[in-house]
């Protein structure tokens, strides 16, 4: 019994220290890392790359009228020149980025 306590303590400490590695990134960070190059930090797509590729202004009424499910599909599967992020971002990260996009109104 006494020999199990140190092992249990090590397992608990390891689980606690690894927890952030499995947590979803902040949606603003994900947006900045994956989306801002084309859509811009403000979502208006006024970046050099965004203009070149014809990226959509995420603050526009057209983009904002999409449902969360539609935006989620576009992020996961990609659309036009935009690559899909399924398998790159977790489902939770994609859902959180969708909420962030909706907040750009």
PDB file of N, CA and C in Angstrom:
ATOM      1  N   UNK A   1       0.821  -1.198   0.000  1.00  0.00           N
ATOM      2  CA  UNK A   1       0.000   0.000   0.000  1.00  0.00           C
ATOM      3  C   UNK A   1       0.860   1.255   0.000  1.00  0.00           C
ATOM      4  N   UNK A   2       1.884   1.271   0.799  1.00  0.00           N
ATOM      5  CA  UNK A   2       2.751   2.440   0.880  1.00  0.00           C
ATOM      6  C   UNK A   2       3.523   2.669  -0.413  1.00  0.00           C
ATOM      7  N   UNK A   3       3.840   1.608  -1.142  1.00  0.00           N
ATOM      8  CA  UNK A   3       4.583   1.768  -2.396  1.00  0.00           C
ATOM      9  C   UNK A   3       3.700   2.327  -3.505  1.00  0.00           C
ATOM     10  N   UNK A   4       2.403   2.230  -3.384  1.00  0.00           N
ATOM     11  CA  UNK A   4       1.501   2.760  -4.398  1.00  0.00           C
ATOM     12  C   UNK A   4       1.304   4.265  -4.283  1.00  0.00           C
ATOM     13  N   UNK A   5       1.442   4.803  -3.104  1.00  0.00           N
ATOM     14  CA  UNK A   5       1.228   6.234  -2.911  1.00  0.00           C
ATOM     15  C   UNK A   5       2.156   7.101  -3.766  1.00  0.00           C
ATOM     16  N   UNK A   6       3.476   6.841  -3.761  1.00  0.00           N
ATOM     17  CA  UNK A   6       4.341   7.669  -4.619  1.00  0.00           C
ATOM     18  C   UNK A   6       3.989   7.531  -6.103  1.00  0.00           C
ATOM     19  N   UNK A   7       3.646   6.334  -6.531  1.00  0.00           N
ATOM     20  CA  UNK A   7       3.281   6.120  -7.925  1.00  0.00           C
ATOM     21  C   UNK A   7       1.994   6.871  -8.266  1.00  0.00           C
ATOM     22  N   UNK A   8       1.027   6.808  -7.380  1.00  0.00           N
ATOM     23  CA  UNK A   8      -0.226   7.525  -7.581  1.00  0.00           C
ATOM     24  C   UNK A   8       0.015   9.028  -7.630  1.00  0.00           C
ATOM     25  N   UNK A   9       0.877   9.520  -6.773  1.00  0.00           N
ATOM     26  CA  UNK A   9       1.207  10.942  -6.760  1.00  0.00           C
ATOM     27  C   UNK A   9       1.854  11.358  -8.080  1.00  0.00           C
ATOM     28  N   UNK A  10       2.745  10.546  -8.604  1.00  0.00           N
ATOM     29  CA  UNK A  10       3.395  10.839  -9.884  1.00  0.00           C
ATOM     30  C   UNK A  10       2.366  10.875 -11.012  1.00  0.00           C
ATOM     31  N   UNK A  11       1.447   9.931 -11.025  1.00  0.00           N
ATOM     32  CA  UNK A  11       0.409   9.882 -12.053  1.00  0.00           C
ATOM     33  C   UNK A  11      -0.474  11.125 -11.979  1.00  0.00           C
ATOM     34  N   UNK A  12      -0.867  11.535 -10.802  1.00  0.00           N
ATOM     35  CA  UNK A  12      -1.710  12.719 -10.632  1.00  0.00           C
ATOM     36  C   UNK A  12      -0.978  13.971 -11.095  1.00  0.00           C
ATOM     37  N   UNK A  13       0.270  14.122 -10.714  1.00  0.00           N
ATOM     38  CA  UNK A  13       1.056  15.298 -11.125  1.00  0.00           C
ATOM     39  C   UNK A  13       1.216  15.314 -12.641  1.00  0.00           C
ATOM     40  N   UNK A  14       1.484  14.164 -13.243  1.00  0.00           N
ATOM     41  CA  UNK A  14       1.636  14.091 -14.699  1.00  0.00           C
ATOM     42  C   UNK A  14       0.336  14.472 -15.395  1.00  0.00           C
ATOM     43  N   UNK A  15      -0.776  13.989 -14.891  1.00  0.00           N
ATOM     44  CA  UNK A  15      -2.074  14.298 -15.498  1.00  0.00           C
ATOM     45  C   UNK A  15      -2.382  15.789 -15.411  1.00  0.00           C
ATOM     46  N   UNK A  16      -2.082  16.392 -14.300  1.00  0.00           N
ATOM     47  CA  UNK A  16      -2.327  17.825 -14.128  1.00  0.00           C
ATOM     48  C   UNK A  16      -1.416  18.634 -15.043  1.00  0.00           C
ATOM     49  N   UNK A  17      -0.174  18.250 -15.156  1.00  0.00           N
ATOM     50  CA  UNK A  17       0.765  19.030 -15.977  1.00  0.00           C
ATOM     51  C   UNK A  17       0.495  18.858 -17.466  1.00  0.00           C
ATOM     52  N   UNK A  18      -0.084  17.752 -17.875  1.00  0.00           N
ATOM     53  CA  UNK A  18      -0.392  17.525 -19.289  1.00  0.00           C
ATOM     54  C   UNK A  18      -1.722  18.124 -19.706  1.00  0.00           C
ATOM     55  N   UNK A  19      -2.562  18.474 -18.782  1.00  0.00           N
ATOM     56  CA  UNK A  19      -3.895  18.972 -19.099  1.00  0.00           C
ATOM     57  C   UNK A  19      -3.897  20.139 -20.083  1.00  0.00           C
ATOM     58  N   UNK A  20      -3.053  21.164 -19.936  1.00  0.00           N
ATOM     59  CA  UNK A  20      -3.075  22.262 -20.903  1.00  0.00           C
ATOM     60  C   UNK A  20      -2.743  21.821 -22.333  1.00  0.00           C
ATOM     61  N   UNK A  21      -1.966  20.770 -22.488  1.00  0.00           N
ATOM     62  CA  UNK A  21      -1.618  20.296 -23.823  1.00  0.00           C
ATOM     63  C   UNK A  21      -2.846  19.784 -24.568  1.00  0.00           C
ATOM     64  N   UNK A  22      -3.839  19.328 -23.837  1.00  0.00           N
ATOM     65  CA  UNK A  22      -5.044  18.800 -24.460  1.00  0.00           C
ATOM     66  C   UNK A  22      -6.181  19.821 -24.513  1.00  0.00           C
ATOM     67  N   UNK A  23      -5.988  20.966 -23.889  1.00  0.00           N
ATOM     68  CA  UNK A  23      -7.021  21.994 -23.880  1.00  0.00           C
ATOM     69  C   UNK A  23      -7.038  22.716 -25.230  1.00  0.00           C
ATOM     70  N   UNK A  24      -8.206  23.142 -25.634  1.00  0.00           N
ATOM     71  CA  UNK A  24      -8.327  23.893 -26.888  1.00  0.00           C
ATOM     72  C   UNK A  24      -7.666  25.251 -26.727  1.00  0.00           C
ATOM     73  N   UNK A  25      -7.056  25.718 -27.810  1.00  0.00           N
ATOM     74  CA  UNK A  25      -6.441  27.046 -27.798  1.00  0.00           C
ATOM     75  C   UNK A  25      -7.525  28.109 -27.756  1.00  0.00           C
ATOM     76  N   UNK A  26      -7.151  29.270 -27.272  1.00  0.00           N
ATOM     77  CA  UNK A  26      -8.034  30.422 -27.277  1.00  0.00           C
ATOM     78  C   UNK A  26      -8.437  30.719 -28.723  1.00  0.00           C
ATOM     79  N   UNK A  27      -9.719  30.949 -28.997  1.00  0.00           N
ATOM     80  CA  UNK A  27     -10.165  31.160 -30.381  1.00  0.00           C
ATOM     81  C   UNK A  27      -9.504  32.356 -31.062  1.00  0.00           C
ATOM     82  N   UNK A  28      -9.176  33.398 -30.314  1.00  0.00           N
ATOM     83  CA  UNK A  28      -8.484  34.541 -30.918  1.00  0.00           C
ATOM     84  C   UNK A  28      -7.088  34.145 -31.386  1.00  0.00           C
ATOM     85  N   UNK A  29      -6.435  33.289 -30.624  1.00  0.00           N
ATOM     86  CA  UNK A  29      -5.105  32.810 -31.000  1.00  0.00           C
ATOM     87  C   UNK A  29      -5.208  31.941 -32.248  1.00  0.00           C
ATOM     88  N   UNK A  30      -6.183  31.042 -32.280  1.00  0.00           N
ATOM     89  CA  UNK A  30      -6.379  30.189 -33.450  1.00  0.00           C
ATOM     90  C   UNK A  30      -6.685  31.051 -34.672  1.00  0.00           C
ATOM     91  N   UNK A  31      -7.559  32.029 -34.525  1.00  0.00           N
ATOM     92  CA  UNK A  31      -7.913  32.916 -35.632  1.00  0.00           C
ATOM     93  C   UNK A  31      -6.668  33.646 -36.129  1.00  0.00           C
ATOM     94  N   UNK A  32      -5.884  34.178 -35.209  1.00  0.00           N
ATOM     95  CA  UNK A  32      -4.674  34.905 -35.585  1.00  0.00           C
ATOM     96  C   UNK A  32      -3.689  33.985 -36.317  1.00  0.00           C
ATOM     97  N   UNK A  33      -3.543  32.736 -35.845  1.00  0.00           N
ATOM     98  CA  UNK A  33      -2.593  31.800 -36.442  1.00  0.00           C
ATOM     99  C   UNK A  33      -3.060  31.235 -37.780  1.00  0.00           C
ATOM    100  N   UNK A  34      -4.354  30.973 -37.919  1.00  0.00           N
ATOM    101  CA  UNK A  34      -4.853  30.253 -39.089  1.00  0.00           C
ATOM    102  C   UNK A  34      -5.639  31.118 -40.078  1.00  0.00           C
ATOM    103  N   UNK A  35      -6.226  32.202 -39.623  1.00  0.00           N
ATOM    104  CA  UNK A  35      -7.178  32.943 -40.458  1.00  0.00           C
ATOM    105  C   UNK A  35      -6.735  34.362 -40.815  1.00  0.00           C
ATOM    106  N   UNK A  36      -6.030  35.011 -39.888  1.00  0.00           N
ATOM    107  CA  UNK A  36      -5.735  36.438 -40.041  1.00  0.00           C
ATOM    108  C   UNK A  36      -4.855  36.763 -41.244  1.00  0.00           C
ATOM    109  N   UNK A  37      -4.055  35.831 -41.709  1.00  0.00           N
ATOM    110  CA  UNK A  37      -3.202  36.109 -42.855  1.00  0.00           C
ATOM    111  C   UNK A  37      -4.032  36.548 -44.065  1.00  0.00           C
ATOM    112  N   UNK A  38      -5.191  35.934 -44.220  1.00  0.00           N
ATOM    113  CA  UNK A  38      -6.080  36.284 -45.334  1.00  0.00           C
ATOM    114  C   UNK A  38      -7.232  37.194 -44.888  1.00  0.00           C
ATOM    115  N   UNK A  39      -7.873  36.846 -43.785  1.00  0.00           N
ATOM    116  CA  UNK A  39      -9.057  37.582 -43.345  1.00  0.00           C
ATOM    117  C   UNK A  39      -8.727  38.818 -42.515  1.00  0.00           C
ATOM    118  N   UNK A  40      -7.462  38.951 -42.097  1.00  0.00           N
ATOM    119  CA  UNK A  40      -7.065  40.088 -41.282  1.00  0.00           C
ATOM    120  C   UNK A  40      -7.440  39.902 -39.824  1.00  0.00           C
ATOM    121  N   UNK A  41      -6.732  40.570 -38.952  1.00  0.00           N
ATOM    122  CA  UNK A  41      -7.019  40.465 -37.512  1.00  0.00           C
ATOM    123  C   UNK A  41      -8.427  40.924 -37.180  1.00  0.00           C
ATOM    124  N   UNK A  42      -8.943  41.878 -37.978  1.00  0.00           N
ATOM    125  CA  UNK A  42     -10.293  42.394 -37.736  1.00  0.00           C
ATOM    126  C   UNK A  42     -11.363  41.669 -38.550  1.00  0.00           C
ATOM    127  N   UNK A  43     -10.943  40.707 -39.387  1.00  0.00           N
ATOM    128  CA  UNK A  43     -11.896  39.929 -40.178  1.00  0.00           C
ATOM    129  C   UNK A  43     -12.326  40.584 -41.482  1.00  0.00           C
ATOM    130  N   UNK A  44     -11.816  41.765 -41.788  1.00  0.00           N
ATOM    131  CA  UNK A  44     -12.280  42.521 -42.955  1.00  0.00           C
ATOM    132  C   UNK A  44     -11.592  42.133 -44.266  1.00  0.00           C
ATOM    133  N   UNK A  45     -10.633  41.217 -44.223  1.00  0.00           N
ATOM    134  CA  UNK A  45      -9.948  40.687 -45.414  1.00  0.00           C
ATOM    135  C   UNK A  45      -9.201  41.751 -46.205  1.00  0.00           C
ATOM    136  N   UNK A  46      -8.716  42.764 -45.523  1.00  0.00           N
ATOM    137  CA  UNK A  46      -7.973  43.832 -46.195  1.00  0.00           C
ATOM    138  C   UNK A  46      -6.462  43.605 -46.125  1.00  0.00           C
ATOM    139  N   UNK A  47      -6.057  42.360 -46.122  1.00  0.00           N
ATOM    140  CA  UNK A  47      -4.637  42.026 -46.134  1.00  0.00           C
ATOM    141  C   UNK A  47      -4.203  41.826 -47.582  1.00  0.00           C
ATOM    142  N   UNK A  48      -2.916  41.867 -47.805  1.00  0.00           N
ATOM    143  CA  UNK A  48      -2.396  41.645 -49.160  1.00  0.00           C
ATOM    144  C   UNK A  48      -2.844  40.271 -49.673  1.00  0.00           C
ATOM    145  N   UNK A  49      -2.669  39.250 -48.851  1.00  0.00           N
ATOM    146  CA  UNK A  49      -3.058  37.893 -49.244  1.00  0.00           C
ATOM    147  C   UNK A  49      -4.568  37.788 -49.411  1.00  0.00           C
ATOM    148  N   UNK A  50      -5.313  38.408 -48.522  1.00  0.00           N
ATOM    149  CA  UNK A  50      -6.770  38.372 -48.605  1.00  0.00           C
ATOM    150  C   UNK A  50      -7.286  38.983 -49.895  1.00  0.00           C
ATOM    151  N   UNK A  51      -6.699  40.115 -50.283  1.00  0.00           N
ATOM    152  CA  UNK A  51      -7.106  40.772 -51.531  1.00  0.00           C
ATOM    153  C   UNK A  51      -6.732  39.910 -52.732  1.00  0.00           C
ATOM    154  N   UNK A  52      -5.548  39.319 -52.684  1.00  0.00           N
ATOM    155  CA  UNK A  52      -5.067  38.487 -53.790  1.00  0.00           C
ATOM    156  C   UNK A  52      -5.950  37.251 -53.992  1.00  0.00           C
ATOM    157  N   UNK A  53      -6.373  36.645 -52.885  1.00  0.00           N
ATOM    158  CA  UNK A  53      -7.165  35.413 -52.960  1.00  0.00           C
ATOM    159  C   UNK A  53      -8.671  35.642 -52.964  1.00  0.00           C
ATOM    160  N   UNK A  54      -9.094  36.880 -52.764  1.00  0.00           N
ATOM    161  CA  UNK A  54     -10.519  37.168 -52.721  1.00  0.00           C
ATOM    162  C   UNK A  54     -11.183  36.659 -51.447  1.00  0.00           C
ATOM    163  N   UNK A  55     -10.459  36.747 -50.326  1.00  0.00           N
ATOM    164  CA  UNK A  55     -11.009  36.298 -49.045  1.00  0.00           C
ATOM    165  C   UNK A  55     -12.238  37.132 -48.690  1.00  0.00           C
ATOM    166  N   UNK A  56     -13.179  36.509 -48.033  1.00  0.00           N
ATOM    167  CA  UNK A  56     -14.420  37.176 -47.643  1.00  0.00           C
ATOM    168  C   UNK A  56     -14.231  38.044 -46.401  1.00  0.00           C
ATOM    169  N   UNK A  57     -14.903  39.174 -46.396  1.00  0.00           N
ATOM    170  CA  UNK A  57     -14.968  40.051 -45.232  1.00  0.00           C
ATOM    171  C   UNK A  57     -15.911  39.380 -44.233  1.00  0.00           C
ATOM    172  N   UNK A  58     -15.355  38.906 -43.137  1.00  0.00           N
ATOM    173  CA  UNK A  58     -16.149  38.166 -42.152  1.00  0.00           C
ATOM    174  C   UNK A  58     -17.069  39.056 -41.338  1.00  0.00           C
ATOM    175  N   UNK A  59     -16.917  40.375 -41.469  1.00  0.00           N
ATOM    176  CA  UNK A  59     -17.804  41.300 -40.761  1.00  0.00           C
ATOM    177  C   UNK A  59     -19.000  41.689 -41.622  1.00  0.00           C
ATOM    178  N   UNK A  60     -19.000  41.287 -42.881  1.00  0.00           N
ATOM    179  CA  UNK A  60     -20.076  41.669 -43.805  1.00  0.00           C
ATOM    180  C   UNK A  60     -21.391  40.984 -43.433  1.00  0.00           C
ATOM    181  N   UNK A  61     -22.483  41.574 -43.871  1.00  0.00           N
ATOM    182  CA  UNK A  61     -23.791  40.980 -43.596  1.00  0.00           C
ATOM    183  C   UNK A  61     -23.908  39.611 -44.277  1.00  0.00           C
ATOM    184  N   UNK A  62     -23.272  39.461 -45.439  1.00  0.00           N
ATOM    185  CA  UNK A  62     -23.291  38.162 -46.134  1.00  0.00           C
ATOM    186  C   UNK A  62     -22.654  37.071 -45.283  1.00  0.00           C
ATOM    187  N   UNK A  63     -21.463  37.354 -44.766  1.00  0.00           N
ATOM    188  CA  UNK A  63     -20.770  36.360 -43.938  1.00  0.00           C
ATOM    189  C   UNK A  63     -21.493  36.150 -42.612  1.00  0.00           C
ATOM    190  N   UNK A  64     -21.969  37.226 -42.009  1.00  0.00           N
ATOM    191  CA  UNK A  64     -22.634  37.125 -40.713  1.00  0.00           C
ATOM    192  C   UNK A  64     -24.004  36.453 -40.795  1.00  0.00           C
ATOM    193  N   UNK A  65     -24.584  36.415 -42.008  1.00  0.00           N
ATOM    194  CA  UNK A  65     -25.888  35.770 -42.156  1.00  0.00           C
ATOM    195  C   UNK A  65     -25.775  34.251 -42.223  1.00  0.00           C
ATOM    196  N   UNK A  66     -24.563  33.727 -42.392  1.00  0.00           N
ATOM    197  CA  UNK A  66     -24.381  32.279 -42.392  1.00  0.00           C
ATOM    198  C   UNK A  66     -24.649  31.734 -40.992  1.00  0.00           C
ATOM    199  N   UNK A  67     -25.179  30.531 -40.940  1.00  0.00           N
ATOM    200  CA  UNK A  67     -25.401  29.905 -39.633  1.00  0.00           C
ATOM    201  C   UNK A  67     -24.068  29.428 -39.078  1.00  0.00           C
ATOM    202  N   UNK A  68     -24.048  29.170 -37.787  1.00  0.00           N
ATOM    203  CA  UNK A  68     -22.838  28.633 -37.163  1.00  0.00           C
ATOM    204  C   UNK A  68     -22.461  27.311 -37.809  1.00  0.00           C
ATOM    205  N   UNK A  69     -23.439  26.487 -38.151  1.00  0.00           N
ATOM    206  CA  UNK A  69     -23.171  25.192 -38.785  1.00  0.00           C
ATOM    207  C   UNK A  69     -22.522  25.386 -40.159  1.00  0.00           C
ATOM    208  N   UNK A  70     -22.976  26.373 -40.909  1.00  0.00           N
ATOM    209  CA  UNK A  70     -22.396  26.640 -42.224  1.00  0.00           C
ATOM    210  C   UNK A  70     -20.947  27.114 -42.104  1.00  0.00           C
ATOM    211  N   UNK A  71     -20.696  27.991 -41.154  1.00  0.00           N
ATOM    212  CA  UNK A  71     -19.334  28.486 -40.948  1.00  0.00           C
ATOM    213  C   UNK A  71     -18.439  27.347 -40.475  1.00  0.00           C
ATOM    214  N   UNK A  72     -18.958  26.527 -39.585  1.00  0.00           N
ATOM    215  CA  UNK A  72     -18.189  25.394 -39.076  1.00  0.00           C
ATOM    216  C   UNK A  72     -17.796  24.463 -40.222  1.00  0.00           C
ATOM    217  N   UNK A  73     -18.714  24.194 -41.125  1.00  0.00           N
ATOM    218  CA  UNK A  73     -18.420  23.337 -42.277  1.00  0.00           C
ATOM    219  C   UNK A  73     -17.353  23.966 -43.161  1.00  0.00           C
ATOM    220  N   UNK A  74     -17.449  25.270 -43.392  1.00  0.00           N
ATOM    221  CA  UNK A  74     -16.465  25.946 -44.235  1.00  0.00           C
ATOM    222  C   UNK A  74     -15.071  25.902 -43.618  1.00  0.00           C
ATOM    223  N   UNK A  75     -15.001  26.066 -42.313  1.00  0.00           N
ATOM    224  CA  UNK A  75     -13.698  26.004 -41.641  1.00  0.00           C
ATOM    225  C   UNK A  75     -13.164  24.569 -41.701  1.00  0.00           C
ATOM    226  N   UNK A  76     -13.996  23.604 -41.430  1.00  0.00           N
ATOM    227  CA  UNK A  76     -13.555  22.210 -41.411  1.00  0.00           C
ATOM    228  C   UNK A  76     -13.181  21.700 -42.800  1.00  0.00           C
ATOM    229  N   UNK A  77     -14.037  21.947 -43.768  1.00  0.00           N
ATOM    230  CA  UNK A  77     -13.858  21.372 -45.106  1.00  0.00           C
ATOM    231  C   UNK A  77     -13.134  22.297 -46.075  1.00  0.00           C
ATOM    232  N   UNK A  78     -13.122  23.596 -45.770  1.00  0.00           N
ATOM    233  CA  UNK A  78     -12.552  24.568 -46.691  1.00  0.00           C
ATOM    234  C   UNK A  78     -13.605  25.001 -47.694  1.00  0.00           C
ATOM    235  N   UNK A  79     -13.283  26.061 -48.423  1.00  0.00           N
ATOM    236  CA  UNK A  79     -14.197  26.544 -49.455  1.00  0.00           C
ATOM    237  C   UNK A  79     -13.396  27.397 -50.427  1.00  0.00           C
ATOM    238  N   UNK A  80     -13.554  27.116 -51.706  1.00  0.00           N
ATOM    239  CA  UNK A  80     -12.797  27.859 -52.703  1.00  0.00           C
ATOM    240  C   UNK A  80     -11.310  27.674 -52.469  1.00  0.00           C
ATOM    241  N   UNK A  81     -10.613  28.778 -52.326  1.00  0.00           N
ATOM    242  CA  UNK A  81      -9.161  28.727 -52.099  1.00  0.00           C
ATOM    243  C   UNK A  81      -8.786  28.522 -50.635  1.00  0.00           C
ATOM    244  N   UNK A  82      -9.783  28.591 -49.762  1.00  0.00           N
ATOM    245  CA  UNK A  82      -9.511  28.407 -48.335  1.00  0.00           C
ATOM    246  C   UNK A  82      -9.354  26.930 -48.032  1.00  0.00           C
ATOM    247  N   UNK A  83      -8.239  26.555 -47.380  1.00  0.00           N
ATOM    248  CA  UNK A  83      -8.053  25.142 -47.027  1.00  0.00           C
ATOM    249  C   UNK A  83      -8.964  24.744 -45.867  1.00  0.00           C
ATOM    250  N   UNK A  84      -9.240  23.470 -45.759  1.00  0.00           N
ATOM    251  CA  UNK A  84      -9.993  22.952 -44.630  1.00  0.00           C
ATOM    252  C   UNK A  84      -9.075  22.705 -43.440  1.00  0.00           C
ATOM    253  N   UNK A  85      -9.617  22.845 -42.262  1.00  0.00           N
ATOM    254  CA  UNK A  85      -8.823  22.672 -41.047  1.00  0.00           C
ATOM    255  C   UNK A  85      -9.242  21.458 -40.234  1.00  0.00           C
ATOM    256  N   UNK A  86     -10.070  20.601 -40.810  1.00  0.00           N
ATOM    257  CA  UNK A  86     -10.447  19.352 -40.164  1.00  0.00           C
ATOM    258  C   UNK A  86      -9.187  18.509 -40.004  1.00  0.00           C
ATOM    259  N   UNK A  87      -8.943  18.019 -38.810  1.00  0.00           N
ATOM    260  CA  UNK A  87      -7.738  17.242 -38.552  1.00  0.00           C
ATOM    261  C   UNK A  87      -6.561  18.115 -38.129  1.00  0.00           C
ATOM    262  N   UNK A  88      -6.656  19.415 -38.365  1.00  0.00           N
ATOM    263  CA  UNK A  88      -5.619  20.358 -37.935  1.00  0.00           C
ATOM    264  C   UNK A  88      -6.080  21.030 -36.647  1.00  0.00           C
ATOM    265  N   UNK A  89      -7.345  21.448 -36.642  1.00  0.00           N
ATOM    266  CA  UNK A  89      -7.972  22.004 -35.448  1.00  0.00           C
ATOM    267  C   UNK A  89      -8.919  20.957 -34.871  1.00  0.00           C
ATOM    268  N   UNK A  90      -9.094  20.984 -33.577  1.00  0.00           N
ATOM    269  CA  UNK A  90     -10.072  20.084 -32.957  1.00  0.00           C
ATOM    270  C   UNK A  90     -11.477  20.600 -33.265  1.00  0.00           C
ATOM    271  N   UNK A  91     -12.464  19.739 -33.099  1.00  0.00           N
ATOM    272  CA  UNK A  91     -13.852  20.164 -33.289  1.00  0.00           C
ATOM    273  C   UNK A  91     -14.185  21.324 -32.353  1.00  0.00           C
ATOM    274  N   UNK A  92     -13.695  21.253 -31.130  1.00  0.00           N
ATOM    275  CA  UNK A  92     -13.964  22.320 -30.159  1.00  0.00           C
ATOM    276  C   UNK A  92     -13.316  23.628 -30.618  1.00  0.00           C
ATOM    277  N   UNK A  93     -12.082  23.570 -31.116  1.00  0.00           N
ATOM    278  CA  UNK A  93     -11.427  24.787 -31.598  1.00  0.00           C
ATOM    279  C   UNK A  93     -12.198  25.396 -32.764  1.00  0.00           C
ATOM    280  N   UNK A  94     -12.680  24.553 -33.668  1.00  0.00           N
ATOM    281  CA  UNK A  94     -13.470  25.056 -34.794  1.00  0.00           C
ATOM    282  C   UNK A  94     -14.741  25.721 -34.288  1.00  0.00           C
ATOM    283  N   UNK A  95     -15.452  25.086 -33.365  1.00  0.00           N
ATOM    284  CA  UNK A  95     -16.683  25.681 -32.816  1.00  0.00           C
ATOM    285  C   UNK A  95     -16.395  27.022 -32.146  1.00  0.00           C
ATOM    286  N   UNK A  96     -15.278  27.107 -31.430  1.00  0.00           N
ATOM    287  CA  UNK A  96     -14.922  28.349 -30.749  1.00  0.00           C
ATOM    288  C   UNK A  96     -14.538  29.437 -31.751  1.00  0.00           C
ATOM    289  N   UNK A  97     -13.861  29.069 -32.841  1.00  0.00           N
ATOM    290  CA  UNK A  97     -13.528  30.050 -33.877  1.00  0.00           C
ATOM    291  C   UNK A  97     -14.807  30.550 -34.541  1.00  0.00           C
ATOM    292  N   UNK A  98     -15.780  29.670 -34.734  1.00  0.00           N
ATOM    293  CA  UNK A  98     -17.073  30.083 -35.300  1.00  0.00           C
ATOM    294  C   UNK A  98     -17.693  31.162 -34.417  1.00  0.00           C
ATOM    295  N   UNK A  99     -17.710  30.949 -33.124  1.00  0.00           N
ATOM    296  CA  UNK A  99     -18.253  31.950 -32.203  1.00  0.00           C
ATOM    297  C   UNK A  99     -17.474  33.254 -32.294  1.00  0.00           C
ATOM    298  N   UNK A 100     -16.162  33.130 -32.433  1.00  0.00           N
ATOM    299  CA  UNK A 100     -15.343  34.337 -32.565  1.00  0.00           C
ATOM    300  C   UNK A 100     -15.678  35.082 -33.857  1.00  0.00           C
ATOM    301  N   UNK A 101     -15.830  34.349 -34.965  1.00  0.00           N
ATOM    302  CA  UNK A 101     -16.187  34.970 -36.243  1.00  0.00           C
ATOM    303  C   UNK A 101     -17.520  35.692 -36.108  1.00  0.00           C
ATOM    304  N   UNK A 102     -18.490  35.060 -35.446  1.00  0.00           N
ATOM    305  CA  UNK A 102     -19.796  35.678 -35.251  1.00  0.00           C
ATOM    306  C   UNK A 102     -19.689  36.956 -34.402  1.00  0.00           C
ATOM    307  N   UNK A 103     -18.681  37.043 -33.561  1.00  0.00           N
ATOM    308  CA  UNK A 103     -18.528  38.235 -32.709  1.00  0.00           C
ATOM    309  C   UNK A 103     -17.895  39.408 -33.456  1.00  0.00           C
ATOM    310  N   UNK A 104     -17.451  39.190 -34.677  1.00  0.00           N
ATOM    311  CA  UNK A 104     -16.784  40.242 -35.452  1.00  0.00           C
ATOM    312  C   UNK A 104     -17.744  41.244 -36.092  1.00  0.00           C
ATOM    313  N   UNK A 105     -19.044  41.033 -35.950  1.00  0.00           N
ATOM    314  CA  UNK A 105     -20.046  41.891 -36.584  1.00  0.00           C
ATOM    315  C   UNK A 105     -19.639  43.302 -36.533  1.00  0.00           C
TER     316      UNK A 105
END
